[in-house]
Amino acid sequence: MLPILLCSVVAVGICAERLLHLNAEKIAPPHLLARVWTQLKNNEMDAQKLRTLRASSPLGTILAAGLGNAHLGREAMKSSIEEAASHVVHDLERYLNTLGTIAAVTPLLGLLGTVVGMIKVFTEIMAQGTGNASVLAGGISEALVTTAAGLAVAIPALIMHRYFVGRIDAIVVTLEQETIKLVDALHTDGKPGGFGA
């Protein structure tokens, strides 16, 4: 039971931390691209503003990486954006492997506890016989508690893991859309679209 309880505490901590940090509006502020594009059109984008953009949000980090290499051409810009995006996505997925592992391992820990409990019950049967059925039933029910506890931790952990994976996928799509708009706008002859606030 102790490992299952520890897993439950870790799972709750991870869920609370991820709920706080996976805020789509903080990761990809809605009007950031429009503001960046306005600064670019007005020739206001300098090294200081690029540093501020990089520190402002994960989307800002990706856009700043692209803008830093925009003069090298479309492919260099896309490459730097992809590299920055891989770091951002890695940060977004922080602790999700641990949460998934908890969801997979806790039922097994519960099952292990049940098997150990049943071994004790059958050892008791071998030593004393089957004379006292209430003692045996109590031992069996106690052994099954670990399976129930393991499932009680695993089910919410699995649900939250799937929820966070879906949330991250949606955020990544938004990040991709915003960066594609910037790349297309900087490396096409036509006027950029889609930057309105």
Foldseek 3Di string as FASTA:
>chain_A
DVVLVVLLVVLVVVLVVLVVPLDLCQAPPPQPLLVVVVCVVVVNDDPVVLVVQCPRHLLSVLLSQLVVCVVVDLVNSVVSSVVSVVVVLCVSCPCLVVLLVLLVCLLVQLVVQLVVLVVVLVVVCVVPNCPDVVVSVVSNVVSNVSNVSSNVRNPVSVVSSVVSVVSSVVSSVVSVVSVVQVSCCSHDPDHGDDNDD
